[in-house]
Amino acid sequence: MKLSTQIKPISYLKAHAAEIVRNMSKQGEPLVITQNGEAKVVIQDIESYEQHQETMALLKILALGNRQIEEGKLEPAAGVIGRLRQNRRNL
């Protein structure tokens, strides 16, 4: 993806909003909107946004897991499975 081809001024957004929305899901690429020559916002289709959010959530979980490993907060799998089975029996 080359963002340089997806940069438009805010005036373009105002004049072509319906077309932009219509094409957004087909292209799957974000559109950078500038104001006074500076990048201000990024517009993307909802599917790409949701995929990005899921990816970020997974990366946060991985980072948390790595931090817990570094801090030595580990428990053998057998112990966890045993505890889960005991909790299930107690229900």
C-alpha atoms as a PDB file:
ATOM      1  CA  MET A   1       0.000   0.000   0.000  1.00  0.00           C
ATOM      2  CA  LYS A   2       1.397   3.332  -1.010  1.00  0.00           C
ATOM      3  CA  LEU A   3      -0.121   6.134   1.067  1.00  0.00           C
ATOM      4  CA  SER A   4       1.268   8.850  -1.203  1.00  0.00           C
ATOM      5  CA  THR A   5      -1.421   7.983  -3.756  1.00  0.00           C
ATOM      6  CA  GLN A   6      -4.115   8.127  -1.085  1.00  0.00           C
ATOM      7  CA  ILE A   7      -3.621  11.700   0.146  1.00  0.00           C
ATOM      8  CA  LYS A   8      -6.341  14.234  -0.625  1.00  0.00           C
ATOM      9  CA  PRO A   9      -7.175  17.725   0.630  1.00  0.00           C
ATOM     10  CA  ILE A  10     -10.289  18.292   2.695  1.00  0.00           C
ATOM     11  CA  SER A  11     -11.871  20.107  -0.247  1.00  0.00           C
ATOM     12  CA  TYR A  12     -11.717  16.845  -2.219  1.00  0.00           C
ATOM     13  CA  LEU A  13     -13.507  15.064   0.631  1.00  0.00           C
ATOM     14  CA  LYS A  14     -16.225  17.715   0.679  1.00  0.00           C
ATOM     15  CA  ALA A  15     -16.762  17.529  -3.075  1.00  0.00           C
ATOM     16  CA  HIS A  16     -16.561  13.751  -3.436  1.00  0.00           C
ATOM     17  CA  ALA A  17     -17.827  12.323  -0.127  1.00  0.00           C
ATOM     18  CA  ALA A  18     -20.365   9.912  -1.628  1.00  0.00           C
ATOM     19  CA  GLU A  19     -17.871   8.619  -4.189  1.00  0.00           C
ATOM     20  CA  ILE A  20     -15.204   8.169  -1.519  1.00  0.00           C
ATOM     21  CA  VAL A  21     -17.559   6.151   0.695  1.00  0.00           C
ATOM     22  CA  ARG A  22     -18.693   4.055  -2.258  1.00  0.00           C
ATOM     23  CA  ASN A  23     -15.126   3.235  -3.307  1.00  0.00           C
ATOM     24  CA  MET A  24     -13.699   2.824   0.183  1.00  0.00           C
ATOM     25  CA  SER A  25     -14.746  -0.815   0.625  1.00  0.00           C
ATOM     26  CA  LYS A  26     -13.642  -1.750  -2.900  1.00  0.00           C
ATOM     27  CA  GLN A  27     -10.143  -0.340  -2.493  1.00  0.00           C
ATOM     28  CA  GLY A  28      -9.506  -1.448   1.067  1.00  0.00           C
ATOM     29  CA  GLU A  29      -6.912   1.295   1.437  1.00  0.00           C
ATOM     30  CA  PRO A  30      -7.125   4.216   3.855  1.00  0.00           C
ATOM     31  CA  LEU A  31      -7.454   7.762   2.612  1.00  0.00           C
ATOM     32  CA  VAL A  32      -5.408  10.502   4.287  1.00  0.00           C
ATOM     33  CA  ILE A  33      -7.156  13.881   4.417  1.00  0.00           C
ATOM     34  CA  THR A  34      -5.088  17.025   4.710  1.00  0.00           C
ATOM     35  CA  GLN A  35      -6.018  20.466   5.966  1.00  0.00           C
ATOM     36  CA  ASN A  36      -3.771  23.422   5.237  1.00  0.00           C
ATOM     37  CA  GLY A  37      -1.180  21.006   3.858  1.00  0.00           C
ATOM     38  CA  GLU A  38      -0.980  18.861   7.002  1.00  0.00           C
ATOM     39  CA  ALA A  39      -2.320  15.334   7.401  1.00  0.00           C
ATOM     40  CA  LYS A  40      -5.292  15.547   9.793  1.00  0.00           C
ATOM     41  CA  VAL A  41      -7.413  12.398   9.517  1.00  0.00           C
ATOM     42  CA  VAL A  42      -7.438   8.932   8.014  1.00  0.00           C
ATOM     43  CA  ILE A  43     -10.604   7.459   6.541  1.00  0.00           C
ATOM     44  CA  GLN A  44     -10.947   3.703   6.101  1.00  0.00           C
ATOM     45  CA  ASP A  45     -13.703   1.190   5.481  1.00  0.00           C
ATOM     46  CA  ILE A  46     -15.294  -0.521   8.465  1.00  0.00           C
ATOM     47  CA  GLU A  47     -13.976  -3.993   7.603  1.00  0.00           C
ATOM     48  CA  SER A  48     -10.374  -2.755   7.556  1.00  0.00           C
ATOM     49  CA  TYR A  49     -10.966  -0.819  10.776  1.00  0.00           C
ATOM     50  CA  GLU A  50     -12.369  -3.889  12.554  1.00  0.00           C
ATOM     51  CA  GLN A  51      -9.478  -6.038  11.318  1.00  0.00           C
ATOM     52  CA  HIS A  52      -7.028  -3.423  12.579  1.00  0.00           C
ATOM     53  CA  GLN A  53      -8.728  -3.349  15.992  1.00  0.00           C
ATOM     54  CA  GLU A  54      -8.605  -7.151  16.270  1.00  0.00           C
ATOM     55  CA  THR A  55      -4.923  -7.150  15.315  1.00  0.00           C
ATOM     56  CA  MET A  56      -4.165  -4.499  17.929  1.00  0.00           C
ATOM     57  CA  ALA A  57      -6.045  -6.474  20.606  1.00  0.00           C
ATOM     58  CA  LEU A  58      -4.046  -9.617  19.793  1.00  0.00           C
ATOM     59  CA  LEU A  59      -0.783  -7.686  19.876  1.00  0.00           C
ATOM     60  CA  LYS A  60      -1.696  -6.288  23.313  1.00  0.00           C
ATOM     61  CA  ILE A  61      -2.428  -9.804  24.577  1.00  0.00           C
ATOM     62  CA  LEU A  62       0.915 -11.024  23.241  1.00  0.00           C
ATOM     63  CA  ALA A  63       2.745  -8.092  24.838  1.00  0.00           C
ATOM     64  CA  LEU A  64       1.027  -8.793  28.163  1.00  0.00           C
ATOM     65  CA  GLY A  65       1.990 -12.463  27.934  1.00  0.00           C
ATOM     66  CA  ASN A  66       5.599 -11.583  27.165  1.00  0.00           C
ATOM     67  CA  ARG A  67       5.692  -9.187  30.117  1.00  0.00           C
ATOM     68  CA  GLN A  68       4.301 -11.867  32.427  1.00  0.00           C
ATOM     69  CA  ILE A  69       6.933 -14.344  31.195  1.00  0.00           C
ATOM     70  CA  GLU A  70       9.695 -11.801  31.836  1.00  0.00           C
ATOM     71  CA  GLU A  71       8.330 -11.215  35.353  1.00  0.00           C
ATOM     72  CA  GLY A  72       8.264 -14.943  36.034  1.00  0.00           C
ATOM     73  CA  LYS A  73       4.488 -15.057  36.420  1.00  0.00           C
ATOM     74  CA  LEU A  74       4.201 -18.585  35.049  1.00  0.00           C
ATOM     75  CA  GLU A  75       2.260 -21.633  36.099  1.00  0.00           C
ATOM     76  CA  PRO A  76       2.661 -25.135  34.663  1.00  0.00           C
ATOM     77  CA  ALA A  77      -0.154 -26.128  32.294  1.00  0.00           C
ATOM     78  CA  ALA A  78      -0.898 -29.267  34.292  1.00  0.00           C
ATOM     79  CA  GLY A  79      -1.644 -27.171  37.378  1.00  0.00           C
ATOM     80  CA  VAL A  80      -3.964 -24.838  35.463  1.00  0.00           C
ATOM     81  CA  ILE A  81      -5.812 -27.747  33.847  1.00  0.00           C
ATOM     82  CA  GLY A  82      -6.205 -29.436  37.211  1.00  0.00           C
ATOM     83  CA  ARG A  83      -7.599 -26.267  38.764  1.00  0.00           C
ATOM     84  CA  LEU A  84     -10.055 -25.808  35.878  1.00  0.00           C
ATOM     85  CA  ARG A  85     -11.247 -29.385  36.212  1.00  0.00           C
ATOM     86  CA  GLN A  86     -11.726 -28.953  39.946  1.00  0.00           C
ATOM     87  CA  ASN A  87     -13.695 -25.737  39.414  1.00  0.00           C
ATOM     88  CA  ARG A  88     -15.859 -27.527  36.862  1.00  0.00           C
ATOM     89  CA  ARG A  89     -16.602 -30.329  39.324  1.00  0.00           C
ATOM     90  CA  ASN A  90     -17.601 -27.782  41.954  1.00  0.00           C
ATOM     91  CA  LEU A  91     -20.272 -26.255  39.720  1.00  0.00           C
END
